[in-house]
Every structure is written in structure tokens, then in C-alpha cells.
Amino acid sequence: MSSFDDRERAEEAKFAHDAGLRFKAEARRNKHLAHWACAQMGVSDADAIANYVAEVIATDLKEAGPEDVVVKVKADFDAKGVAIGEDAIRAQIAQFDAQAKAEVLAEG
């Protein structure tokens, strides 16, 4: 019975580790997206960028998937008069997602 318990604990540990990596990669993706969005909106103040990064990361925690982030960034673009559509935002999310996953995996 001990080997079954060991395998179960190993699977649980792997699941927790993978979930942690996914969370870290999503937060990193959102950080990259927020920096990109700030550049598009002409925001250059370091404190404003840091606040926006925190807002984008917090927004992504509300719902599963990145759609809530797309809606937030699009609304912010509209408010600043930036003519970038949702599809372009989704494309950036996909690009930053791949980049963030690679970065997190490289860190170990």
C-alpha cells in the first residue's frame, strides 16, 4: 500500500508544482502585456506602469482565461483613444504567453 500512497503524493506534488508554474507564467504574461499596453497608451511614468501592471494581474484573477484582461485593456485603449482592437490584444497575449512560459521554465 505504501507504493500507492507514494505515487499519490507524487502526483499531488506534481499537480501543485504545475499549477504554481501556470500561475507564475500567467502573471508574467500579464506583466508583459501591461508594459506593452502602457507603451501603446504613451504611459511612461514608472509608478503608473507599476500600478497598471498590478491592475492587469488583478483583473486576470477575476475569471478563468484571459478574456477579462482583453476587455480591460480594450476599454483602457478606448479611453485613451488608442485604435487597437481586441484581436490585436489577443495576439499580444498569445505572444507574451509563449514568452512567459519559456521564461518561467528557464528559471526552473
PDB file of N, CA and C in Angstrom:
ATOM      1  N   MET A   1       0.820  -1.194   0.000  1.00  0.00           N
ATOM      2  CA  MET A   1       0.000   0.000   0.000  1.00  0.00           C
ATOM      3  C   MET A   1       0.864   1.258   0.000  1.00  0.00           C
ATOM      4  N   SER A   2       2.044   1.137   0.525  1.00  0.00           N
ATOM      5  CA  SER A   2       2.948   2.280   0.624  1.00  0.00           C
ATOM      6  C   SER A   2       3.317   2.845  -0.745  1.00  0.00           C
ATOM      7  N   SER A   3       3.550   1.992  -1.733  1.00  0.00           N
ATOM      8  CA  SER A   3       3.925   2.488  -3.059  1.00  0.00           C
ATOM      9  C   SER A   3       2.760   3.248  -3.707  1.00  0.00           C
ATOM     10  N   PHE A   4       1.531   2.800  -3.459  1.00  0.00           N
ATOM     11  CA  PHE A   4       0.368   3.520  -3.975  1.00  0.00           C
ATOM     12  C   PHE A   4       0.281   4.900  -3.338  1.00  0.00           C
ATOM     13  N   ASP A   5       0.481   4.963  -2.020  1.00  0.00           N
ATOM     14  CA  ASP A   5       0.460   6.241  -1.315  1.00  0.00           C
ATOM     15  C   ASP A   5       1.569   7.159  -1.809  1.00  0.00           C
ATOM     16  N   ASP A   6       2.741   6.587  -2.067  1.00  0.00           N
ATOM     17  CA  ASP A   6       3.863   7.377  -2.577  1.00  0.00           C
ATOM     18  C   ASP A   6       3.539   7.950  -3.951  1.00  0.00           C
ATOM     19  N   ARG A   7       2.957   7.121  -4.827  1.00  0.00           N
ATOM     20  CA  ARG A   7       2.575   7.607  -6.159  1.00  0.00           C
ATOM     21  C   ARG A   7       1.518   8.695  -6.064  1.00  0.00           C
ATOM     22  N   GLU A   8       0.568   8.515  -5.166  1.00  0.00           N
ATOM     23  CA  GLU A   8      -0.480   9.520  -4.987  1.00  0.00           C
ATOM     24  C   GLU A   8       0.117  10.847  -4.512  1.00  0.00           C
ATOM     25  N   ARG A   9       1.018  10.794  -3.552  1.00  0.00           N
ATOM     26  CA  ARG A   9       1.667  12.011  -3.068  1.00  0.00           C
ATOM     27  C   ARG A   9       2.499  12.659  -4.174  1.00  0.00           C
ATOM     28  N   ALA A  10       3.167  11.852  -4.968  1.00  0.00           N
ATOM     29  CA  ALA A  10       3.977  12.383  -6.071  1.00  0.00           C
ATOM     30  C   ALA A  10       3.091  13.076  -7.099  1.00  0.00           C
ATOM     31  N   GLU A  11       1.957  12.481  -7.421  1.00  0.00           N
ATOM     32  CA  GLU A  11       1.021  13.098  -8.378  1.00  0.00           C
ATOM     33  C   GLU A  11       0.460  14.399  -7.830  1.00  0.00           C
ATOM     34  N   GLU A  12       0.129  14.426  -6.559  1.00  0.00           N
ATOM     35  CA  GLU A  12      -0.376  15.652  -5.940  1.00  0.00           C
ATOM     36  C   GLU A  12       0.688  16.741  -5.946  1.00  0.00           C
ATOM     37  N   ALA A  13       1.920  16.373  -5.667  1.00  0.00           N
ATOM     38  CA  ALA A  13       3.018  17.342  -5.672  1.00  0.00           C
ATOM     39  C   ALA A  13       3.248  17.878  -7.080  1.00  0.00           C
ATOM     40  N   LYS A  14       3.182  17.003  -8.067  1.00  0.00           N
ATOM     41  CA  LYS A  14       3.366  17.422  -9.459  1.00  0.00           C
ATOM     42  C   LYS A  14       2.245  18.367  -9.879  1.00  0.00           C
ATOM     43  N   PHE A  15       1.019  18.051  -9.514  1.00  0.00           N
ATOM     44  CA  PHE A  15      -0.117  18.904  -9.834  1.00  0.00           C
ATOM     45  C   PHE A  15       0.062  20.288  -9.212  1.00  0.00           C
ATOM     46  N   ALA A  16       0.459  20.333  -7.949  1.00  0.00           N
ATOM     47  CA  ALA A  16       0.656  21.615  -7.259  1.00  0.00           C
ATOM     48  C   ALA A  16       1.798  22.394  -7.910  1.00  0.00           C
ATOM     49  N   HIS A  17       2.868  21.699  -8.260  1.00  0.00           N
ATOM     50  CA  HIS A  17       4.001  22.358  -8.915  1.00  0.00           C
ATOM     51  C   HIS A  17       3.587  22.938 -10.264  1.00  0.00           C
ATOM     52  N   ASP A  18       2.875  22.144 -11.069  1.00  0.00           N
ATOM     53  CA  ASP A  18       2.417  22.604 -12.386  1.00  0.00           C
ATOM     54  C   ASP A  18       1.465  23.788 -12.265  1.00  0.00           C
ATOM     55  N   ALA A  19       0.572  23.741 -11.269  1.00  0.00           N
ATOM     56  CA  ALA A  19      -0.358  24.858 -11.055  1.00  0.00           C
ATOM     57  C   ALA A  19       0.408  26.120 -10.673  1.00  0.00           C
ATOM     58  N   GLY A  20       1.428  25.977  -9.868  1.00  0.00           N
ATOM     59  CA  GLY A  20       2.250  27.119  -9.490  1.00  0.00           C
ATOM     60  C   GLY A  20       2.967  27.729 -10.684  1.00  0.00           C
ATOM     61  N   LEU A  21       3.496  26.859 -11.557  1.00  0.00           N
ATOM     62  CA  LEU A  21       4.171  27.345 -12.764  1.00  0.00           C
ATOM     63  C   LEU A  21       3.197  28.062 -13.694  1.00  0.00           C
ATOM     64  N   ARG A  22       1.980  27.504 -13.840  1.00  0.00           N
ATOM     65  CA  ARG A  22       0.965  28.149 -14.681  1.00  0.00           C
ATOM     66  C   ARG A  22       0.614  29.527 -14.144  1.00  0.00           C
ATOM     67  N   PHE A  23       0.418  29.632 -12.832  1.00  0.00           N
ATOM     68  CA  PHE A  23       0.089  30.917 -12.218  1.00  0.00           C
ATOM     69  C   PHE A  23       1.208  31.922 -12.448  1.00  0.00           C
ATOM     70  N   LYS A  24       2.438  31.487 -12.240  1.00  0.00           N
ATOM     71  CA  LYS A  24       3.593  32.363 -12.429  1.00  0.00           C
ATOM     72  C   LYS A  24       3.689  32.836 -13.886  1.00  0.00           C
ATOM     73  N   ALA A  25       3.478  31.912 -14.826  1.00  0.00           N
ATOM     74  CA  ALA A  25       3.557  32.268 -16.246  1.00  0.00           C
ATOM     75  C   ALA A  25       2.437  33.230 -16.633  1.00  0.00           C
ATOM     76  N   GLU A  26       1.236  33.025 -16.111  1.00  0.00           N
ATOM     77  CA  GLU A  26       0.124  33.926 -16.430  1.00  0.00           C
ATOM     78  C   GLU A  26       0.387  35.319 -15.863  1.00  0.00           C
ATOM     79  N   ALA A  27       0.915  35.395 -14.655  1.00  0.00           N
ATOM     80  CA  ALA A  27       1.238  36.700 -14.067  1.00  0.00           C
ATOM     81  C   ALA A  27       2.325  37.390 -14.887  1.00  0.00           C
ATOM     82  N   ARG A  28       3.322  36.631 -15.315  1.00  0.00           N
ATOM     83  CA  ARG A  28       4.401  37.204 -16.128  1.00  0.00           C
ATOM     84  C   ARG A  28       3.861  37.666 -17.478  1.00  0.00           C
ATOM     85  N   ARG A  29       2.983  36.863 -18.080  1.00  0.00           N
ATOM     86  CA  ARG A  29       2.347  37.247 -19.352  1.00  0.00           C
ATOM     87  C   ARG A  29       1.609  38.562 -19.189  1.00  0.00           C
ATOM     88  N   ASN A  30       0.856  38.688 -18.119  1.00  0.00           N
ATOM     89  CA  ASN A  30       0.084  39.903 -17.878  1.00  0.00           C
ATOM     90  C   ASN A  30       0.982  41.103 -17.612  1.00  0.00           C
ATOM     91  N   LYS A  31       2.123  40.869 -16.986  1.00  0.00           N
ATOM     92  CA  LYS A  31       3.088  41.949 -16.769  1.00  0.00           C
ATOM     93  C   LYS A  31       3.614  42.451 -18.113  1.00  0.00           C
ATOM     94  N   HIS A  32       3.997  41.515 -18.979  1.00  0.00           N
ATOM     95  CA  HIS A  32       4.480  41.908 -20.307  1.00  0.00           C
ATOM     96  C   HIS A  32       3.385  42.650 -21.082  1.00  0.00           C
ATOM     97  N   LEU A  33       2.160  42.138 -21.012  1.00  0.00           N
ATOM     98  CA  LEU A  33       1.041  42.772 -21.706  1.00  0.00           C
ATOM     99  C   LEU A  33       0.807  44.185 -21.180  1.00  0.00           C
ATOM    100  N   ALA A  34       0.870  44.352 -19.873  1.00  0.00           N
ATOM    101  CA  ALA A  34       0.646  45.670 -19.273  1.00  0.00           C
ATOM    102  C   ALA A  34       1.725  46.657 -19.709  1.00  0.00           C
ATOM    103  N   HIS A  35       2.957  46.207 -19.766  1.00  0.00           N
ATOM    104  CA  HIS A  35       4.037  47.088 -20.242  1.00  0.00           C
ATOM    105  C   HIS A  35       3.801  47.477 -21.707  1.00  0.00           C
ATOM    106  N   TRP A  36       3.418  46.514 -22.515  1.00  0.00           N
ATOM    107  CA  TRP A  36       3.111  46.790 -23.929  1.00  0.00           C
ATOM    108  C   TRP A  36       1.958  47.784 -24.041  1.00  0.00           C
ATOM    109  N   ALA A  37       0.898  47.550 -23.261  1.00  0.00           N
ATOM    110  CA  ALA A  37      -0.269  48.434 -23.300  1.00  0.00           C
ATOM    111  C   ALA A  37       0.102  49.847 -22.862  1.00  0.00           C
ATOM    112  N   CYS A  38       0.917  49.959 -21.847  1.00  0.00           N
ATOM    113  CA  CYS A  38       1.357  51.285 -21.393  1.00  0.00           C
ATOM    114  C   CYS A  38       2.111  51.999 -22.507  1.00  0.00           C
ATOM    115  N   ALA A  39       2.963  51.284 -23.202  1.00  0.00           N
ATOM    116  CA  ALA A  39       3.705  51.895 -24.316  1.00  0.00           C
ATOM    117  C   ALA A  39       2.744  52.369 -25.398  1.00  0.00           C
ATOM    118  N   GLN A  40       1.711  51.591 -25.678  1.00  0.00           N
ATOM    119  CA  GLN A  40       0.734  51.976 -26.696  1.00  0.00           C
ATOM    120  C   GLN A  40      -0.056  53.212 -26.273  1.00  0.00           C
ATOM    121  N   MET A  41      -0.289  53.343 -24.966  1.00  0.00           N
ATOM    122  CA  MET A  41      -1.067  54.469 -24.451  1.00  0.00           C
ATOM    123  C   MET A  41      -0.195  55.680 -24.130  1.00  0.00           C
ATOM    124  N   GLY A  42       1.108  55.553 -24.302  1.00  0.00           N
ATOM    125  CA  GLY A  42       2.005  56.665 -24.032  1.00  0.00           C
ATOM    126  C   GLY A  42       2.302  56.878 -22.560  1.00  0.00           C
ATOM    127  N   VAL A  43       2.086  55.877 -21.746  1.00  0.00           N
ATOM    128  CA  VAL A  43       2.366  55.970 -20.316  1.00  0.00           C
ATOM    129  C   VAL A  43       3.838  55.627 -20.103  1.00  0.00           C
ATOM    130  N   SER A  44       4.570  56.553 -19.468  1.00  0.00           N
ATOM    131  CA  SER A  44       5.994  56.309 -19.255  1.00  0.00           C
ATOM    132  C   SER A  44       6.416  56.440 -17.793  1.00  0.00           C
ATOM    133  N   ASP A  45       5.535  56.948 -16.950  1.00  0.00           N
ATOM    134  CA  ASP A  45       5.831  57.095 -15.532  1.00  0.00           C
ATOM    135  C   ASP A  45       5.932  55.713 -14.879  1.00  0.00           C
ATOM    136  N   ALA A  46       7.052  55.451 -14.208  1.00  0.00           N
ATOM    137  CA  ALA A  46       7.301  54.129 -13.629  1.00  0.00           C
ATOM    138  C   ALA A  46       6.223  53.724 -12.620  1.00  0.00           C
ATOM    139  N   ASP A  47       5.772  54.660 -11.806  1.00  0.00           N
ATOM    140  CA  ASP A  47       4.727  54.337 -10.822  1.00  0.00           C
ATOM    141  C   ASP A  47       3.407  54.006 -11.515  1.00  0.00           C
ATOM    142  N   ALA A  48       3.075  54.752 -12.551  1.00  0.00           N
ATOM    143  CA  ALA A  48       1.836  54.486 -13.294  1.00  0.00           C
ATOM    144  C   ALA A  48       1.910  53.127 -13.978  1.00  0.00           C
ATOM    145  N   ILE A  49       3.064  52.783 -14.510  1.00  0.00           N
ATOM    146  CA  ILE A  49       3.237  51.475 -15.148  1.00  0.00           C
ATOM    147  C   ILE A  49       3.098  50.368 -14.115  1.00  0.00           C
ATOM    148  N   ALA A  50       3.748  50.530 -12.966  1.00  0.00           N
ATOM    149  CA  ALA A  50       3.662  49.519 -11.906  1.00  0.00           C
ATOM    150  C   ALA A  50       2.221  49.338 -11.440  1.00  0.00           C
ATOM    151  N   ASN A  51       1.487  50.438 -11.304  1.00  0.00           N
ATOM    152  CA  ASN A  51       0.073  50.350 -10.907  1.00  0.00           C
ATOM    153  C   ASN A  51      -0.750  49.640 -11.972  1.00  0.00           C
ATOM    154  N   TYR A  52      -0.459  49.929 -13.237  1.00  0.00           N
ATOM    155  CA  TYR A  52      -1.214  49.292 -14.318  1.00  0.00           C
ATOM    156  C   TYR A  52      -0.909  47.798 -14.387  1.00  0.00           C
ATOM    157  N   VAL A  53       0.338  47.432 -14.174  1.00  0.00           N
ATOM    158  CA  VAL A  53       0.700  46.013 -14.132  1.00  0.00           C
ATOM    159  C   VAL A  53      -0.125  45.314 -13.051  1.00  0.00           C
ATOM    160  N   ALA A  54      -0.195  45.907 -11.875  1.00  0.00           N
ATOM    161  CA  ALA A  54      -0.964  45.322 -10.768  1.00  0.00           C
ATOM    162  C   ALA A  54      -2.448  45.210 -11.124  1.00  0.00           C
ATOM    163  N   GLU A  55      -2.989  46.238 -11.793  1.00  0.00           N
ATOM    164  CA  GLU A  55      -4.397  46.207 -12.204  1.00  0.00           C
ATOM    165  C   GLU A  55      -4.666  45.066 -13.186  1.00  0.00           C
ATOM    166  N   VAL A  56      -3.789  44.913 -14.162  1.00  0.00           N
ATOM    167  CA  VAL A  56      -3.989  43.865 -15.174  1.00  0.00           C
ATOM    168  C   VAL A  56      -3.895  42.482 -14.535  1.00  0.00           C
ATOM    169  N   ILE A  57      -2.913  42.288 -13.665  1.00  0.00           N
ATOM    170  CA  ILE A  57      -2.778  40.996 -12.986  1.00  0.00           C
ATOM    171  C   ILE A  57      -4.007  40.718 -12.127  1.00  0.00           C
ATOM    172  N   ALA A  58      -4.485  41.719 -11.399  1.00  0.00           N
ATOM    173  CA  ALA A  58      -5.675  41.548 -10.561  1.00  0.00           C
ATOM    174  C   ALA A  58      -6.912  41.258 -11.403  1.00  0.00           C
ATOM    175  N   THR A  59      -7.011  41.892 -12.560  1.00  0.00           N
ATOM    176  CA  THR A  59      -8.150  41.656 -13.446  1.00  0.00           C
ATOM    177  C   THR A  59      -8.198  40.206 -13.893  1.00  0.00           C
ATOM    178  N   ASP A  60      -7.030  39.630 -14.166  1.00  0.00           N
ATOM    179  CA  ASP A  60      -6.990  38.251 -14.655  1.00  0.00           C
ATOM    180  C   ASP A  60      -7.407  37.249 -13.591  1.00  0.00           C
ATOM    181  N   LEU A  61      -7.382  37.636 -12.331  1.00  0.00           N
ATOM    182  CA  LEU A  61      -7.770  36.729 -11.255  1.00  0.00           C
ATOM    183  C   LEU A  61      -9.285  36.613 -11.101  1.00  0.00           C
ATOM    184  N   LYS A  62     -10.033  37.479 -11.780  1.00  0.00           N
ATOM    185  CA  LYS A  62     -11.484  37.502 -11.622  1.00  0.00           C
ATOM    186  C   LYS A  62     -12.176  36.338 -12.326  1.00  0.00           C
ATOM    187  N   GLU A  63     -11.691  35.977 -13.505  1.00  0.00           N
ATOM    188  CA  GLU A  63     -12.311  34.916 -14.304  1.00  0.00           C
ATOM    189  C   GLU A  63     -11.234  34.014 -14.874  1.00  0.00           C
ATOM    190  N   ALA A  64     -11.617  32.792 -15.198  1.00  0.00           N
ATOM    191  CA  ALA A  64     -10.679  31.891 -15.861  1.00  0.00           C
ATOM    192  C   ALA A  64     -10.458  32.362 -17.295  1.00  0.00           C
ATOM    193  N   GLY A  65      -9.236  32.255 -17.757  1.00  0.00           N
ATOM    194  CA  GLY A  65      -8.921  32.657 -19.123  1.00  0.00           C
ATOM    195  C   GLY A  65      -8.587  34.128 -19.212  1.00  0.00           C
ATOM    196  N   PRO A  66      -8.007  34.530 -20.325  1.00  0.00           N
ATOM    197  CA  PRO A  66      -7.539  35.907 -20.467  1.00  0.00           C
ATOM    198  C   PRO A  66      -8.585  36.900 -20.986  1.00  0.00           C
ATOM    199  N   GLU A  67      -9.814  36.476 -21.205  1.00  0.00           N
ATOM    200  CA  GLU A  67     -10.804  37.357 -21.826  1.00  0.00           C
ATOM    201  C   GLU A  67     -11.094  38.592 -20.990  1.00  0.00           C
ATOM    202  N   ASP A  68     -11.069  38.461 -19.664  1.00  0.00           N
ATOM    203  CA  ASP A  68     -11.293  39.628 -18.808  1.00  0.00           C
ATOM    204  C   ASP A  68     -10.171  40.655 -18.973  1.00  0.00           C
ATOM    205  N   VAL A  69      -8.974  40.185 -19.249  1.00  0.00           N
ATOM    206  CA  VAL A  69      -7.840  41.090 -19.487  1.00  0.00           C
ATOM    207  C   VAL A  69      -8.021  41.801 -20.826  1.00  0.00           C
ATOM    208  N   VAL A  70      -8.489  41.068 -21.831  1.00  0.00           N
ATOM    209  CA  VAL A  70      -8.739  41.667 -23.149  1.00  0.00           C
ATOM    210  C   VAL A  70      -9.740  42.811 -23.008  1.00  0.00           C
ATOM    211  N   VAL A  71     -10.812  42.563 -22.298  1.00  0.00           N
ATOM    212  CA  VAL A  71     -11.858  43.576 -22.107  1.00  0.00           C
ATOM    213  C   VAL A  71     -11.294  44.801 -21.376  1.00  0.00           C
ATOM    214  N   LYS A  72     -10.499  44.583 -20.338  1.00  0.00           N
ATOM    215  CA  LYS A  72      -9.931  45.701 -19.582  1.00  0.00           C
ATOM    216  C   LYS A  72      -8.999  46.537 -20.444  1.00  0.00           C
ATOM    217  N   VAL A  73      -8.055  45.869 -21.122  1.00  0.00           N
ATOM    218  CA  VAL A  73      -7.078  46.595 -21.924  1.00  0.00           C
ATOM    219  C   VAL A  73      -7.777  47.333 -23.071  1.00  0.00           C
ATOM    220  N   LYS A  74      -8.758  46.702 -23.700  1.00  0.00           N
ATOM    221  CA  LYS A  74      -9.500  47.351 -24.786  1.00  0.00           C
ATOM    222  C   LYS A  74     -10.224  48.591 -24.264  1.00  0.00           C
ATOM    223  N   ALA A  75     -10.847  48.490 -23.103  1.00  0.00           N
ATOM    224  CA  ALA A  75     -11.535  49.646 -22.518  1.00  0.00           C
ATOM    225  C   ALA A  75     -10.542  50.766 -22.202  1.00  0.00           C
ATOM    226  N   ASP A  76      -9.374  50.409 -21.711  1.00  0.00           N
ATOM    227  CA  ASP A  76      -8.351  51.412 -21.418  1.00  0.00           C
ATOM    228  C   ASP A  76      -7.842  52.056 -22.705  1.00  0.00           C
ATOM    229  N   PHE A  77      -7.661  51.251 -23.746  1.00  0.00           N
ATOM    230  CA  PHE A  77      -7.257  51.799 -25.043  1.00  0.00           C
ATOM    231  C   PHE A  77      -8.313  52.770 -25.569  1.00  0.00           C
ATOM    232  N   ASP A  78      -9.574  52.353 -25.491  1.00  0.00           N
ATOM    233  CA  ASP A  78     -10.660  53.219 -25.960  1.00  0.00           C
ATOM    234  C   ASP A  78     -10.671  54.541 -25.198  1.00  0.00           C
ATOM    235  N   ALA A  79     -10.462  54.476 -23.885  1.00  0.00           N
ATOM    236  CA  ALA A  79     -10.466  55.692 -23.055  1.00  0.00           C
ATOM    237  C   ALA A  79      -9.315  56.631 -23.422  1.00  0.00           C
ATOM    238  N   LYS A  80      -8.219  56.079 -23.887  1.00  0.00           N
ATOM    239  CA  LYS A  80      -7.050  56.888 -24.269  1.00  0.00           C
ATOM    240  C   LYS A  80      -7.016  57.194 -25.769  1.00  0.00           C
ATOM    241  N   GLY A  81      -8.023  56.710 -26.508  1.00  0.00           N
ATOM    242  CA  GLY A  81      -8.071  56.968 -27.943  1.00  0.00           C
ATOM    243  C   GLY A  81      -7.087  56.149 -28.753  1.00  0.00           C
ATOM    244  N   VAL A  82      -6.683  54.992 -28.233  1.00  0.00           N
ATOM    245  CA  VAL A  82      -5.755  54.105 -28.934  1.00  0.00           C
ATOM    246  C   VAL A  82      -6.567  53.133 -29.784  1.00  0.00           C
ATOM    247  N   ALA A  83      -6.307  53.146 -31.076  1.00  0.00           N
ATOM    248  CA  ALA A  83      -7.099  52.332 -32.017  1.00  0.00           C
ATOM    249  C   ALA A  83      -6.468  50.960 -32.213  1.00  0.00           C
ATOM    250  N   ILE A  84      -6.524  50.149 -31.168  1.00  0.00           N
ATOM    251  CA  ILE A  84      -6.050  48.763 -31.247  1.00  0.00           C
ATOM    252  C   ILE A  84      -7.221  47.891 -30.828  1.00  0.00           C
ATOM    253  N   GLY A  85      -7.537  46.916 -31.668  1.00  0.00           N
ATOM    254  CA  GLY A  85      -8.698  46.068 -31.428  1.00  0.00           C
ATOM    255  C   GLY A  85      -8.411  44.861 -30.548  1.00  0.00           C
ATOM    256  N   GLU A  86      -9.479  44.174 -30.206  1.00  0.00           N
ATOM    257  CA  GLU A  86      -9.389  43.000 -29.341  1.00  0.00           C
ATOM    258  C   GLU A  86      -8.547  41.889 -29.956  1.00  0.00           C
ATOM    259  N   ASP A  87      -8.635  41.702 -31.272  1.00  0.00           N
ATOM    260  CA  ASP A  87      -7.844  40.648 -31.908  1.00  0.00           C
ATOM    261  C   ASP A  87      -6.353  40.921 -31.782  1.00  0.00           C
ATOM    262  N   ALA A  88      -5.961  42.175 -31.899  1.00  0.00           N
ATOM    263  CA  ALA A  88      -4.550  42.537 -31.737  1.00  0.00           C
ATOM    264  C   ALA A  88      -4.102  42.326 -30.291  1.00  0.00           C
ATOM    265  N   ILE A  89      -4.985  42.596 -29.350  1.00  0.00           N
ATOM    266  CA  ILE A  89      -4.670  42.368 -27.935  1.00  0.00           C
ATOM    267  C   ILE A  89      -4.516  40.871 -27.680  1.00  0.00           C
ATOM    268  N   ARG A  90      -5.424  40.078 -28.227  1.00  0.00           N
ATOM    269  CA  ARG A  90      -5.328  38.624 -28.079  1.00  0.00           C
ATOM    270  C   ARG A  90      -4.035  38.086 -28.697  1.00  0.00           C
ATOM    271  N   ALA A  91      -3.633  38.653 -29.824  1.00  0.00           N
ATOM    272  CA  ALA A  91      -2.384  38.230 -30.469  1.00  0.00           C
ATOM    273  C   ALA A  91      -1.194  38.530 -29.558  1.00  0.00           C
ATOM    274  N   GLN A  92      -1.210  39.687 -28.917  1.00  0.00           N
ATOM    275  CA  GLN A  92      -0.136  40.031 -27.983  1.00  0.00           C
ATOM    276  C   GLN A  92      -0.158  39.095 -26.778  1.00  0.00           C
ATOM    277  N   ILE A  93      -1.351  38.769 -26.301  1.00  0.00           N
ATOM    278  CA  ILE A  93      -1.460  37.834 -25.175  1.00  0.00           C
ATOM    279  C   ILE A  93      -0.846  36.497 -25.561  1.00  0.00           C
ATOM    280  N   ALA A  94      -1.135  36.002 -26.748  1.00  0.00           N
ATOM    281  CA  ALA A  94      -0.580  34.720 -27.196  1.00  0.00           C
ATOM    282  C   ALA A  94       0.941  34.793 -27.272  1.00  0.00           C
ATOM    283  N   GLN A  95       1.450  35.881 -27.804  1.00  0.00           N
ATOM    284  CA  GLN A  95       2.894  36.050 -27.916  1.00  0.00           C
ATOM    285  C   GLN A  95       3.547  36.108 -26.530  1.00  0.00           C
ATOM    286  N   PHE A  96       2.966  36.919 -25.644  1.00  0.00           N
ATOM    287  CA  PHE A  96       3.527  37.057 -24.300  1.00  0.00           C
ATOM    288  C   PHE A  96       3.348  35.783 -23.477  1.00  0.00           C
ATOM    289  N   ASP A  97       2.296  35.012 -23.768  1.00  0.00           N
ATOM    290  CA  ASP A  97       2.070  33.746 -23.073  1.00  0.00           C
ATOM    291  C   ASP A  97       3.220  32.786 -23.380  1.00  0.00           C
ATOM    292  N   ALA A  98       3.557  32.663 -24.653  1.00  0.00           N
ATOM    293  CA  ALA A  98       4.663  31.787 -25.041  1.00  0.00           C
ATOM    294  C   ALA A  98       5.979  32.269 -24.425  1.00  0.00           C
ATOM    295  N   GLN A  99       6.200  33.569 -24.458  1.00  0.00           N
ATOM    296  CA  GLN A  99       7.421  34.149 -23.889  1.00  0.00           C
ATOM    297  C   GLN A  99       7.490  33.894 -22.385  1.00  0.00           C
ATOM    298  N   ALA A 100       6.385  34.122 -21.689  1.00  0.00           N
ATOM    299  CA  ALA A 100       6.364  33.958 -20.235  1.00  0.00           C
ATOM    300  C   ALA A 100       6.576  32.499 -19.840  1.00  0.00           C
ATOM    301  N   LYS A 101       5.951  31.574 -20.565  1.00  0.00           N
ATOM    302  CA  LYS A 101       6.149  30.150 -20.265  1.00  0.00           C
ATOM    303  C   LYS A 101       7.611  29.771 -20.432  1.00  0.00           C
ATOM    304  N   ALA A 102       8.236  30.233 -21.496  1.00  0.00           N
ATOM    305  CA  ALA A 102       9.652  29.941 -21.731  1.00  0.00           C
ATOM    306  C   ALA A 102      10.511  30.520 -20.616  1.00  0.00           C
ATOM    307  N   GLU A 103      10.210  31.728 -20.189  1.00  0.00           N
ATOM    308  CA  GLU A 103      10.979  32.361 -19.116  1.00  0.00           C
ATOM    309  C   GLU A 103      10.839  31.602 -17.807  1.00  0.00           C
ATOM    310  N   VAL A 104       9.613  31.218 -17.473  1.00  0.00           N
ATOM    311  CA  VAL A 104       9.369  30.517 -16.210  1.00  0.00           C
ATOM    312  C   VAL A 104      10.042  29.139 -16.229  1.00  0.00           C
ATOM    313  N   LEU A 105       9.951  28.442 -17.342  1.00  0.00           N
ATOM    314  CA  LEU A 105      10.595  27.130 -17.438  1.00  0.00           C
ATOM    315  C   LEU A 105      12.116  27.246 -17.374  1.00  0.00           C
ATOM    316  N   ALA A 106      12.657  28.307 -17.956  1.00  0.00           N
ATOM    317  CA  ALA A 106      14.106  28.524 -17.933  1.00  0.00           C
ATOM    318  C   ALA A 106      14.606  28.810 -16.503  1.00  0.00           C
ATOM    319  N   GLU A 107      13.745  29.419 -15.708  1.00  0.00           N
ATOM    320  CA  GLU A 107      14.115  29.716 -14.324  1.00  0.00           C
ATOM    321  C   GLU A 107      14.101  28.460 -13.454  1.00  0.00           C
ATOM    322  N   GLY A 108      13.357  27.461 -13.919  1.00  0.00           N
ATOM    323  CA  GLY A 108      13.305  26.204 -13.176  1.00  0.00           C
ATOM    324  C   GLY A 108      12.222  26.205 -12.235  1.00  0.00           C
TER     325      GLY A 108
END
